[in-house]
Amino acid sequence: MSHAINDEALDTIFRAARTHNKWQDKPISPALLMAIYDLMRWAPTAANCSPARIAYVVSKEAKERLRPHLDAGNVDKTMAAPATAIIGYDLDFARFMPKLYPVNPGAKDWFKDPKLAETVAFRNGSLQGGYFIMAARALGLDCGPMSGFDNAGVDREFFAGTAIRSNILCNLAYGDATGVYPRSPRLSFDEACKIV
């Protein structure tokens, strides 16, 4: 049995997918937001640590709380998007290790060092951010991922009193192609890779 997906699916997730900045006036249901997470959670992380935490910002009130923490170029498109995901990572992810990695009951203790825990949380949370984008695209949504925001401000506003830190913002919607920039080049295999 082949695990390869067809070209149409590859186009949807990668080749024809674009970063969107303009949106159709079409809502996104809570069920679809839940489906994104339900799909992305199956992708691998180190020892299944799964540190990503997501706050979906959808209400007008919540969007206004987000507004002052956005870089100027990201304000209009974020305020217009029906949903913005704050994809964060939990520095205290290890508390779930007994559930997530039952093959080793002592796995929680691997992350006692806060510096190591932070490195693992950030690395694997970032990995899950990529999975999030692929899952959203696979479910028919368009994405506008961003790093232009004040992390500390977002953390105070949406994750106060927790060990969660923001990493990536991702606008979600049904995109309007008139807001897509021309395709930028990518590095070739030889520029980015080597086989050793």
N, C-alpha and C. Protein backbone atom coordinates (compact mmCIF):
# COMPACT_ATOMS: atom_id res chain seq x y z
N MET A 1 0.85 -1.19 0.00
CA MET A 1 0.00 0.00 0.00
C MET A 1 0.88 1.24 0.00
N SER A 2 0.61 2.16 -0.91
CA SER A 2 1.38 3.40 -1.00
C SER A 2 0.82 4.42 -0.02
N HIS A 3 1.72 5.19 0.59
CA HIS A 3 1.31 6.26 1.49
C HIS A 3 1.28 7.61 0.79
N ALA A 4 1.71 7.64 -0.47
CA ALA A 4 1.75 8.91 -1.19
C ALA A 4 0.34 9.43 -1.45
N ILE A 5 0.16 10.75 -1.28
CA ILE A 5 -1.12 11.36 -1.63
C ILE A 5 -1.04 11.88 -3.06
N ASN A 6 -2.17 12.14 -3.67
CA ASN A 6 -2.17 12.52 -5.08
C ASN A 6 -1.72 13.96 -5.28
N ASP A 7 -1.48 14.30 -6.55
CA ASP A 7 -0.98 15.64 -6.88
C ASP A 7 -1.94 16.74 -6.48
N GLU A 8 -3.23 16.48 -6.60
CA GLU A 8 -4.21 17.50 -6.22
C GLU A 8 -4.09 17.84 -4.74
N ALA A 9 -3.93 16.82 -3.91
CA ALA A 9 -3.76 17.06 -2.48
C ALA A 9 -2.45 17.79 -2.19
N LEU A 10 -1.39 17.42 -2.88
CA LEU A 10 -0.10 18.10 -2.71
C LEU A 10 -0.20 19.57 -3.10
N ASP A 11 -0.94 19.85 -4.18
CA ASP A 11 -1.16 21.24 -4.58
C ASP A 11 -1.91 22.01 -3.51
N THR A 12 -2.94 21.40 -2.94
CA THR A 12 -3.76 22.05 -1.92
C THR A 12 -2.94 22.41 -0.69
N ILE A 13 -2.08 21.51 -0.29
CA ILE A 13 -1.33 21.71 0.95
C ILE A 13 -0.06 22.52 0.73
N PHE A 14 0.60 22.35 -0.44
CA PHE A 14 1.90 22.96 -0.65
C PHE A 14 1.99 23.83 -1.91
N ARG A 15 1.95 23.20 -3.09
CA ARG A 15 2.39 23.88 -4.30
C ARG A 15 1.49 25.04 -4.73
N ALA A 16 0.20 24.89 -4.64
CA ALA A 16 -0.70 25.96 -5.05
C ALA A 16 -1.17 26.80 -3.86
N ALA A 17 -0.88 26.37 -2.67
CA ALA A 17 -1.30 27.11 -1.47
C ALA A 17 -0.50 28.40 -1.37
N ARG A 18 -1.16 29.45 -0.93
CA ARG A 18 -0.52 30.75 -0.83
C ARG A 18 -0.82 31.37 0.53
N THR A 19 0.03 32.29 0.94
CA THR A 19 -0.26 33.09 2.13
C THR A 19 -1.27 34.15 1.73
N HIS A 20 -2.38 34.19 2.45
CA HIS A 20 -3.46 35.12 2.10
C HIS A 20 -3.45 36.33 3.03
N ASN A 21 -3.89 37.47 2.46
CA ASN A 21 -3.96 38.73 3.19
C ASN A 21 -5.33 39.37 3.12
N LYS A 22 -6.20 38.79 2.31
CA LYS A 22 -7.54 39.34 2.08
C LYS A 22 -8.52 38.17 2.12
N TRP A 23 -9.73 38.42 2.61
CA TRP A 23 -10.63 37.31 2.92
C TRP A 23 -12.01 37.48 2.31
N GLN A 24 -12.64 36.37 2.00
CA GLN A 24 -14.05 36.39 1.64
C GLN A 24 -14.88 36.60 2.91
N ASP A 25 -16.04 37.18 2.75
CA ASP A 25 -16.93 37.40 3.90
C ASP A 25 -17.71 36.11 4.15
N LYS A 26 -17.04 35.17 4.78
CA LYS A 26 -17.60 33.84 4.99
C LYS A 26 -17.13 33.35 6.35
N PRO A 27 -18.05 32.97 7.22
CA PRO A 27 -17.64 32.57 8.58
C PRO A 27 -16.96 31.21 8.61
N ILE A 28 -16.28 30.96 9.72
CA ILE A 28 -15.67 29.66 10.00
C ILE A 28 -16.34 29.12 11.25
N SER A 29 -16.84 27.91 11.18
CA SER A 29 -17.57 27.34 12.31
C SER A 29 -16.61 26.86 13.41
N PRO A 30 -17.07 26.86 14.66
CA PRO A 30 -16.26 26.27 15.73
C PRO A 30 -15.90 24.81 15.42
N ALA A 31 -16.79 24.09 14.77
CA ALA A 31 -16.51 22.69 14.43
C ALA A 31 -15.31 22.58 13.50
N LEU A 32 -15.15 23.52 12.57
CA LEU A 32 -14.00 23.49 11.66
C LEU A 32 -12.72 23.83 12.42
N LEU A 33 -12.78 24.78 13.33
CA LEU A 33 -11.60 25.10 14.15
C LEU A 33 -11.19 23.88 14.99
N MET A 34 -12.17 23.18 15.50
CA MET A 34 -11.87 21.96 16.26
C MET A 34 -11.28 20.89 15.35
N ALA A 35 -11.75 20.81 14.12
CA ALA A 35 -11.26 19.80 13.18
C ALA A 35 -9.79 20.03 12.82
N ILE A 36 -9.37 21.30 12.76
CA ILE A 36 -7.96 21.58 12.49
C ILE A 36 -7.10 20.94 13.57
N TYR A 37 -7.46 21.21 14.82
CA TYR A 37 -6.67 20.64 15.92
C TYR A 37 -6.76 19.11 15.91
N ASP A 38 -7.94 18.58 15.65
CA ASP A 38 -8.12 17.13 15.68
C ASP A 38 -7.25 16.44 14.63
N LEU A 39 -6.98 17.12 13.53
CA LEU A 39 -6.12 16.57 12.50
C LEU A 39 -4.64 16.76 12.84
N MET A 40 -4.26 17.97 13.25
CA MET A 40 -2.84 18.27 13.47
C MET A 40 -2.26 17.52 14.66
N ARG A 41 -3.08 17.15 15.62
CA ARG A 41 -2.57 16.54 16.85
C ARG A 41 -1.96 15.16 16.62
N TRP A 42 -2.26 14.54 15.47
CA TRP A 42 -1.74 13.21 15.19
C TRP A 42 -0.33 13.24 14.62
N ALA A 43 0.17 14.40 14.24
CA ALA A 43 1.51 14.48 13.67
C ALA A 43 2.56 14.38 14.77
N PRO A 44 3.76 13.92 14.46
CA PRO A 44 4.74 13.60 15.49
C PRO A 44 5.41 14.80 16.16
N THR A 45 5.71 14.60 17.45
CA THR A 45 6.57 15.49 18.22
C THR A 45 7.51 14.61 19.03
N ALA A 46 8.56 15.19 19.59
CA ALA A 46 9.54 14.42 20.36
C ALA A 46 8.86 13.76 21.56
N ALA A 47 8.95 12.46 21.64
CA ALA A 47 8.33 11.68 22.73
C ALA A 47 6.86 12.04 22.90
N ASN A 48 6.23 12.43 21.80
CA ASN A 48 4.81 12.79 21.79
C ASN A 48 4.50 13.91 22.79
N CYS A 49 5.45 14.82 23.00
CA CYS A 49 5.30 15.84 24.05
C CYS A 49 4.19 16.86 23.76
N SER A 50 3.86 17.10 22.51
CA SER A 50 2.69 17.90 22.11
C SER A 50 2.55 19.21 22.88
N PRO A 51 3.54 20.13 22.81
CA PRO A 51 3.47 21.34 23.62
C PRO A 51 2.63 22.47 23.04
N ALA A 52 2.14 22.35 21.81
CA ALA A 52 1.38 23.45 21.22
C ALA A 52 0.08 23.69 21.98
N ARG A 53 -0.24 24.95 22.17
CA ARG A 53 -1.51 25.38 22.74
C ARG A 53 -2.04 26.48 21.83
N ILE A 54 -3.32 26.43 21.53
CA ILE A 54 -3.90 27.34 20.55
C ILE A 54 -5.07 28.10 21.15
N ALA A 55 -5.03 29.42 21.00
CA ALA A 55 -6.17 30.26 21.35
C ALA A 55 -6.74 30.79 20.03
N TYR A 56 -7.98 30.45 19.75
CA TYR A 56 -8.64 30.95 18.55
C TYR A 56 -9.32 32.26 18.89
N VAL A 57 -8.89 33.32 18.25
CA VAL A 57 -9.44 34.66 18.48
C VAL A 57 -10.48 34.91 17.40
N VAL A 58 -11.75 34.92 17.80
CA VAL A 58 -12.82 35.04 16.81
C VAL A 58 -13.80 36.18 17.11
N SER A 59 -14.05 36.47 18.36
CA SER A 59 -15.05 37.51 18.67
C SER A 59 -14.46 38.89 18.42
N LYS A 60 -15.34 39.84 18.17
CA LYS A 60 -14.91 41.23 17.96
C LYS A 60 -14.15 41.75 19.17
N GLU A 61 -14.63 41.39 20.35
CA GLU A 61 -13.98 41.84 21.59
C GLU A 61 -12.56 41.26 21.70
N ALA A 62 -12.42 39.99 21.40
CA ALA A 62 -11.10 39.35 21.46
C ALA A 62 -10.15 39.93 20.41
N LYS A 63 -10.68 40.21 19.22
CA LYS A 63 -9.86 40.82 18.17
C LYS A 63 -9.35 42.19 18.63
N GLU A 64 -10.18 42.95 19.33
CA GLU A 64 -9.75 44.25 19.83
C GLU A 64 -8.67 44.11 20.89
N ARG A 65 -8.72 43.04 21.67
CA ARG A 65 -7.65 42.77 22.63
C ARG A 65 -6.34 42.44 21.93
N LEU A 66 -6.43 41.82 20.76
CA LEU A 66 -5.25 41.46 20.00
C LEU A 66 -4.65 42.64 19.25
N ARG A 67 -5.51 43.54 18.78
CA ARG A 67 -5.11 44.66 17.91
C ARG A 67 -3.86 45.41 18.38
N PRO A 68 -3.79 45.87 19.64
CA PRO A 68 -2.63 46.70 20.01
C PRO A 68 -1.29 45.96 20.01
N HIS A 69 -1.33 44.66 19.90
CA HIS A 69 -0.10 43.88 19.94
C HIS A 69 0.40 43.47 18.54
N LEU A 70 -0.32 43.90 17.51
CA LEU A 70 0.04 43.56 16.13
C LEU A 70 0.93 44.62 15.52
N ASP A 71 1.90 44.19 14.71
CA ASP A 71 2.66 45.16 13.91
C ASP A 71 1.68 45.84 12.95
N ALA A 72 1.98 47.09 12.61
CA ALA A 72 1.06 47.90 11.81
C ALA A 72 0.61 47.20 10.53
N GLY A 73 1.52 46.52 9.85
CA GLY A 73 1.17 45.86 8.58
C GLY A 73 0.26 44.65 8.73
N ASN A 74 0.07 44.19 9.95
CA ASN A 74 -0.76 43.00 10.18
C ASN A 74 -2.13 43.32 10.76
N VAL A 75 -2.40 44.59 11.06
CA VAL A 75 -3.64 44.95 11.75
C VAL A 75 -4.87 44.70 10.88
N ASP A 76 -4.93 45.33 9.71
CA ASP A 76 -6.17 45.28 8.91
C ASP A 76 -6.54 43.86 8.52
N LYS A 77 -5.57 43.07 8.04
CA LYS A 77 -5.90 41.72 7.60
C LYS A 77 -6.29 40.82 8.77
N THR A 78 -5.73 41.08 9.94
CA THR A 78 -6.08 40.27 11.11
C THR A 78 -7.47 40.64 11.62
N MET A 79 -7.77 41.92 11.64
CA MET A 79 -9.08 42.34 12.12
C MET A 79 -10.19 41.87 11.17
N ALA A 80 -9.87 41.72 9.89
CA ALA A 80 -10.87 41.29 8.90
C ALA A 80 -11.04 39.77 8.85
N ALA A 81 -10.05 39.03 9.30
CA ALA A 81 -10.14 37.56 9.24
C ALA A 81 -11.18 37.04 10.22
N PRO A 82 -11.95 36.04 9.85
CA PRO A 82 -12.96 35.50 10.77
C PRO A 82 -12.35 34.79 11.98
N ALA A 83 -11.11 34.35 11.87
CA ALA A 83 -10.44 33.69 13.01
C ALA A 83 -8.94 33.93 12.91
N THR A 84 -8.33 34.14 14.06
CA THR A 84 -6.87 34.22 14.16
C THR A 84 -6.45 33.24 15.24
N ALA A 85 -5.57 32.33 14.89
CA ALA A 85 -5.05 31.37 15.86
C ALA A 85 -3.77 31.92 16.45
N ILE A 86 -3.73 31.97 17.78
CA ILE A 86 -2.47 32.23 18.47
C ILE A 86 -1.91 30.86 18.80
N ILE A 87 -0.85 30.50 18.11
CA ILE A 87 -0.24 29.19 18.32
C ILE A 87 0.92 29.38 19.29
N GLY A 88 0.76 28.83 20.46
CA GLY A 88 1.77 28.97 21.49
C GLY A 88 2.37 27.63 21.87
N TYR A 89 3.23 27.66 22.86
CA TYR A 89 3.85 26.44 23.38
C TYR A 89 3.85 26.53 24.90
N ASP A 90 3.61 25.38 25.52
CA ASP A 90 3.47 25.30 26.97
C ASP A 90 4.79 24.88 27.59
N LEU A 91 5.37 25.77 28.38
CA LEU A 91 6.63 25.44 29.05
C LEU A 91 6.46 24.33 30.07
N ASP A 92 5.23 24.13 30.51
CA ASP A 92 4.93 23.06 31.48
C ASP A 92 4.30 21.84 30.79
N PHE A 93 4.67 21.62 29.54
CA PHE A 93 4.10 20.50 28.78
C PHE A 93 4.36 19.16 29.45
N ALA A 94 5.45 19.05 30.23
CA ALA A 94 5.85 17.74 30.79
C ALA A 94 4.81 17.18 31.75
N ARG A 95 3.95 18.01 32.28
CA ARG A 95 2.94 17.48 33.21
C ARG A 95 2.01 16.48 32.53
N PHE A 96 1.94 16.53 31.21
CA PHE A 96 1.09 15.60 30.46
C PHE A 96 1.85 14.36 29.98
N MET A 97 3.14 14.29 30.24
CA MET A 97 3.92 13.17 29.72
C MET A 97 3.42 11.79 30.18
N PRO A 98 2.97 11.64 31.42
CA PRO A 98 2.45 10.31 31.80
C PRO A 98 1.30 9.84 30.90
N LYS A 99 0.49 10.79 30.44
CA LYS A 99 -0.61 10.45 29.54
C LYS A 99 -0.10 10.27 28.10
N LEU A 100 0.77 11.17 27.67
CA LEU A 100 1.18 11.20 26.27
C LEU A 100 2.27 10.21 25.92
N TYR A 101 3.04 9.78 26.91
CA TYR A 101 4.14 8.85 26.64
C TYR A 101 4.14 7.73 27.67
N PRO A 102 3.08 6.93 27.68
CA PRO A 102 2.93 5.91 28.72
C PRO A 102 3.96 4.79 28.65
N VAL A 103 4.68 4.68 27.53
CA VAL A 103 5.69 3.62 27.44
C VAL A 103 6.86 3.86 28.40
N ASN A 104 6.98 5.10 28.89
CA ASN A 104 8.04 5.41 29.86
C ASN A 104 7.45 6.28 30.95
N PRO A 105 7.02 5.69 32.05
CA PRO A 105 6.39 6.46 33.13
C PRO A 105 7.26 7.57 33.71
N GLY A 106 8.59 7.48 33.55
CA GLY A 106 9.48 8.50 34.08
C GLY A 106 9.83 9.60 33.10
N ALA A 107 9.20 9.63 31.93
CA ALA A 107 9.56 10.60 30.89
C ALA A 107 9.38 12.04 31.35
N LYS A 108 8.46 12.29 32.25
CA LYS A 108 8.25 13.65 32.76
C LYS A 108 9.54 14.22 33.33
N ASP A 109 10.34 13.37 33.97
CA ASP A 109 11.57 13.81 34.63
C ASP A 109 12.66 14.22 33.63
N TRP A 110 12.52 13.84 32.37
CA TRP A 110 13.51 14.24 31.37
C TRP A 110 13.57 15.77 31.23
N PHE A 111 12.48 16.44 31.59
CA PHE A 111 12.35 17.86 31.30
C PHE A 111 12.37 18.72 32.56
N LYS A 112 13.04 18.24 33.61
CA LYS A 112 13.13 19.01 34.86
C LYS A 112 13.94 20.29 34.69
N ASP A 113 14.95 20.25 33.83
CA ASP A 113 15.75 21.44 33.58
C ASP A 113 14.92 22.45 32.76
N PRO A 114 14.64 23.63 33.31
CA PRO A 114 13.78 24.60 32.61
C PRO A 114 14.32 25.01 31.24
N LYS A 115 15.63 25.09 31.10
CA LYS A 115 16.21 25.49 29.80
C LYS A 115 15.93 24.40 28.75
N LEU A 116 16.11 23.15 29.13
CA LEU A 116 15.80 22.06 28.21
C LEU A 116 14.31 22.03 27.88
N ALA A 117 13.47 22.19 28.89
CA ALA A 117 12.02 22.20 28.68
C ALA A 117 11.62 23.31 27.70
N GLU A 118 12.23 24.48 27.84
CA GLU A 118 11.91 25.58 26.94
C GLU A 118 12.34 25.27 25.51
N THR A 119 13.53 24.71 25.35
CA THR A 119 14.01 24.35 24.02
C THR A 119 13.09 23.33 23.36
N VAL A 120 12.72 22.30 24.11
CA VAL A 120 11.85 21.24 23.58
C VAL A 120 10.46 21.80 23.26
N ALA A 121 9.94 22.64 24.15
CA ALA A 121 8.61 23.22 23.94
C ALA A 121 8.59 24.11 22.70
N PHE A 122 9.59 24.96 22.57
CA PHE A 122 9.63 25.87 21.42
C PHE A 122 9.82 25.11 20.12
N ARG A 123 10.75 24.18 20.11
CA ARG A 123 11.03 23.42 18.88
C ARG A 123 9.81 22.62 18.44
N ASN A 124 9.23 21.88 19.34
CA ASN A 124 8.10 21.02 18.97
C ASN A 124 6.81 21.81 18.79
N GLY A 125 6.65 22.91 19.53
CA GLY A 125 5.50 23.79 19.30
C GLY A 125 5.56 24.44 17.93
N SER A 126 6.78 24.80 17.49
CA SER A 126 6.96 25.36 16.15
C SER A 126 6.63 24.32 15.09
N LEU A 127 7.09 23.10 15.32
CA LEU A 127 6.77 21.99 14.42
C LEU A 127 5.25 21.83 14.31
N GLN A 128 4.56 21.90 15.45
CA GLN A 128 3.11 21.77 15.43
C GLN A 128 2.44 22.96 14.74
N GLY A 129 3.09 24.13 14.78
CA GLY A 129 2.57 25.26 14.02
C GLY A 129 2.55 24.99 12.53
N GLY A 130 3.59 24.31 12.04
CA GLY A 130 3.60 23.91 10.62
C GLY A 130 2.52 22.90 10.32
N TYR A 131 2.35 21.94 11.23
CA TYR A 131 1.27 20.97 11.05
C TYR A 131 -0.09 21.67 11.01
N PHE A 132 -0.24 22.69 11.85
CA PHE A 132 -1.49 23.43 11.93
C PHE A 132 -1.84 24.02 10.55
N ILE A 133 -0.87 24.65 9.92
CA ILE A 133 -1.10 25.26 8.60
C ILE A 133 -1.48 24.19 7.58
N MET A 134 -0.77 23.07 7.58
CA MET A 134 -1.10 22.00 6.63
C MET A 134 -2.50 21.44 6.89
N ALA A 135 -2.87 21.28 8.16
CA ALA A 135 -4.20 20.76 8.49
C ALA A 135 -5.28 21.73 8.05
N ALA A 136 -5.08 23.02 8.30
CA ALA A 136 -6.08 24.02 7.89
C ALA A 136 -6.25 24.02 6.38
N ARG A 137 -5.16 23.96 5.66
CA ARG A 137 -5.25 23.92 4.19
C ARG A 137 -5.93 22.64 3.72
N ALA A 138 -5.60 21.53 4.34
CA ALA A 138 -6.20 20.25 3.96
C ALA A 138 -7.71 20.25 4.18
N LEU A 139 -8.18 21.06 5.12
CA LEU A 139 -9.61 21.14 5.42
C LEU A 139 -10.31 22.26 4.66
N GLY A 140 -9.59 22.87 3.70
CA GLY A 140 -10.23 23.84 2.80
C GLY A 140 -10.08 25.29 3.19
N LEU A 141 -9.32 25.59 4.22
CA LEU A 141 -9.12 26.98 4.62
C LEU A 141 -7.85 27.54 4.02
N ASP A 142 -7.78 28.86 3.98
CA ASP A 142 -6.56 29.55 3.60
C ASP A 142 -5.95 30.14 4.86
N CYS A 143 -4.64 30.32 4.83
CA CYS A 143 -3.90 30.76 6.02
C CYS A 143 -3.09 32.01 5.73
N GLY A 144 -2.93 32.80 6.77
CA GLY A 144 -2.04 33.95 6.73
C GLY A 144 -1.17 33.92 7.98
N PRO A 145 -0.13 33.08 8.00
CA PRO A 145 0.73 33.01 9.18
C PRO A 145 1.59 34.26 9.32
N MET A 146 1.85 34.66 10.57
CA MET A 146 2.59 35.89 10.84
C MET A 146 3.47 35.74 12.07
N SER A 147 4.58 36.47 12.04
CA SER A 147 5.38 36.60 13.25
C SER A 147 5.49 38.05 13.68
N GLY A 148 4.82 38.95 13.01
CA GLY A 148 4.89 40.38 13.33
C GLY A 148 3.92 40.79 14.42
N PHE A 149 4.30 40.53 15.67
CA PHE A 149 3.47 40.92 16.80
C PHE A 149 4.32 40.96 18.06
N ASP A 150 3.79 41.59 19.09
CA ASP A 150 4.48 41.71 20.37
C ASP A 150 4.15 40.47 21.21
N ASN A 151 5.09 39.54 21.28
CA ASN A 151 4.85 38.29 22.00
C ASN A 151 4.49 38.54 23.47
N ALA A 152 5.25 39.40 24.12
CA ALA A 152 5.00 39.65 25.55
C ALA A 152 3.60 40.21 25.77
N GLY A 153 3.18 41.12 24.90
CA GLY A 153 1.84 41.69 25.02
C GLY A 153 0.75 40.65 24.80
N VAL A 154 0.92 39.81 23.78
CA VAL A 154 -0.04 38.75 23.51
C VAL A 154 -0.09 37.77 24.68
N ASP A 155 1.07 37.45 25.23
CA ASP A 155 1.11 36.53 26.37
C ASP A 155 0.37 37.11 27.58
N ARG A 156 0.58 38.39 27.85
CA ARG A 156 -0.14 39.03 28.97
C ARG A 156 -1.64 39.03 28.74
N GLU A 157 -2.02 39.28 27.50
CA GLU A 157 -3.45 39.42 27.18
C GLU A 157 -4.19 38.10 27.12
N PHE A 158 -3.54 37.06 26.59
CA PHE A 158 -4.26 35.81 26.34
C PHE A 158 -3.78 34.62 27.17
N PHE A 159 -2.59 34.69 27.73
CA PHE A 159 -2.04 33.54 28.46
C PHE A 159 -1.57 33.90 29.87
N ALA A 160 -2.10 34.99 30.41
CA ALA A 160 -1.68 35.43 31.75
C ALA A 160 -1.92 34.33 32.77
N GLY A 161 -0.96 34.17 33.69
CA GLY A 161 -1.09 33.17 34.74
C GLY A 161 -0.84 31.75 34.31
N THR A 162 -0.32 31.57 33.08
CA THR A 162 -0.03 30.22 32.58
C THR A 162 1.44 30.15 32.19
N ALA A 163 1.88 28.96 31.83
CA ALA A 163 3.24 28.77 31.33
C ALA A 163 3.26 28.73 29.80
N ILE A 164 2.21 29.24 29.17
CA ILE A 164 2.11 29.24 27.71
C ILE A 164 2.70 30.53 27.16
N ARG A 165 3.49 30.39 26.10
CA ARG A 165 4.10 31.53 25.42
C ARG A 165 3.69 31.50 23.95
N SER A 166 3.35 32.67 23.41
CA SER A 166 2.95 32.76 22.01
C SER A 166 4.16 32.57 21.09
N ASN A 167 3.88 32.02 19.91
CA ASN A 167 4.93 31.74 18.95
C ASN A 167 4.58 32.28 17.57
N ILE A 168 3.41 31.93 17.06
CA ILE A 168 2.99 32.26 15.70
C ILE A 168 1.54 32.71 15.74
N LEU A 169 1.20 33.68 14.93
CA LEU A 169 -0.21 34.00 14.68
C LEU A 169 -0.55 33.48 13.29
N CYS A 170 -1.78 32.98 13.14
CA CYS A 170 -2.20 32.50 11.82
C CYS A 170 -3.65 32.89 11.58
N ASN A 171 -3.84 33.83 10.64
CA ASN A 171 -5.20 34.16 10.24
C ASN A 171 -5.77 33.00 9.44
N LEU A 172 -7.05 32.74 9.67
CA LEU A 172 -7.75 31.64 8.99
C LEU A 172 -9.00 32.19 8.33
N ALA A 173 -9.22 31.77 7.10
CA ALA A 173 -10.41 32.23 6.38
C ALA A 173 -10.48 31.50 5.05
N TYR A 174 -11.49 31.85 4.29
CA TYR A 174 -11.56 31.48 2.89
C TYR A 174 -10.97 32.69 2.15
N GLY A 175 -9.82 32.49 1.53
CA GLY A 175 -9.07 33.60 0.98
C GLY A 175 -9.69 34.24 -0.24
N ASP A 176 -9.37 35.51 -0.42
CA ASP A 176 -9.72 36.27 -1.62
C ASP A 176 -8.42 36.40 -2.42
N ALA A 177 -8.38 35.80 -3.58
CA ALA A 177 -7.15 35.73 -4.37
C ALA A 177 -6.63 37.10 -4.78
N THR A 178 -7.48 38.13 -4.74
CA THR A 178 -7.01 39.46 -5.12
C THR A 178 -6.02 40.03 -4.10
N GLY A 179 -5.92 39.41 -2.93
CA GLY A 179 -4.99 39.88 -1.92
C GLY A 179 -3.71 39.07 -1.84
N VAL A 180 -3.49 38.21 -2.82
CA VAL A 180 -2.29 37.35 -2.82
C VAL A 180 -1.19 38.05 -3.60
N TYR A 181 -0.01 38.12 -3.02
CA TYR A 181 1.15 38.71 -3.71
C TYR A 181 1.68 37.74 -4.75
N PRO A 182 2.43 38.24 -5.73
CA PRO A 182 3.07 37.32 -6.69
C PRO A 182 3.93 36.29 -5.96
N ARG A 183 3.99 35.11 -6.50
CA ARG A 183 4.75 34.02 -5.88
C ARG A 183 6.23 34.41 -5.79
N SER A 184 6.78 34.33 -4.60
CA SER A 184 8.20 34.59 -4.41
C SER A 184 9.00 33.33 -4.71
N PRO A 185 10.27 33.52 -5.09
CA PRO A 185 11.10 32.34 -5.38
C PRO A 185 11.40 31.53 -4.13
N ARG A 186 11.82 30.31 -4.34
CA ARG A 186 12.27 29.44 -3.26
C ARG A 186 13.69 28.98 -3.60
N LEU A 187 14.42 28.58 -2.58
CA LEU A 187 15.75 28.05 -2.81
C LEU A 187 15.65 26.70 -3.51
N SER A 188 16.62 26.41 -4.37
CA SER A 188 16.67 25.11 -5.04
C SER A 188 17.18 24.07 -4.06
N PHE A 189 17.05 22.83 -4.44
CA PHE A 189 17.59 21.73 -3.61
C PHE A 189 19.06 21.96 -3.32
N ASP A 190 19.84 22.28 -4.35
CA ASP A 190 21.29 22.43 -4.18
C ASP A 190 21.65 23.62 -3.30
N GLU A 191 20.79 24.64 -3.25
CA GLU A 191 21.04 25.79 -2.39
C GLU A 191 20.72 25.51 -0.93
N ALA A 192 19.79 24.60 -0.69
CA ALA A 192 19.31 24.39 0.68
C ALA A 192 19.67 23.04 1.27
N CYS A 193 20.09 22.10 0.45
CA CYS A 193 20.23 20.72 0.93
C CYS A 193 21.55 20.11 0.49
N LYS A 194 21.92 19.08 1.21
CA LYS A 194 23.01 18.21 0.74
C LYS A 194 22.71 16.80 1.19
N ILE A 195 23.20 15.86 0.45
CA ILE A 195 23.07 14.45 0.81
C ILE A 195 24.46 13.98 1.20
N VAL A 196 24.58 13.49 2.43
CA VAL A 196 25.91 13.10 2.93
C VAL A 196 25.97 11.61 3.20
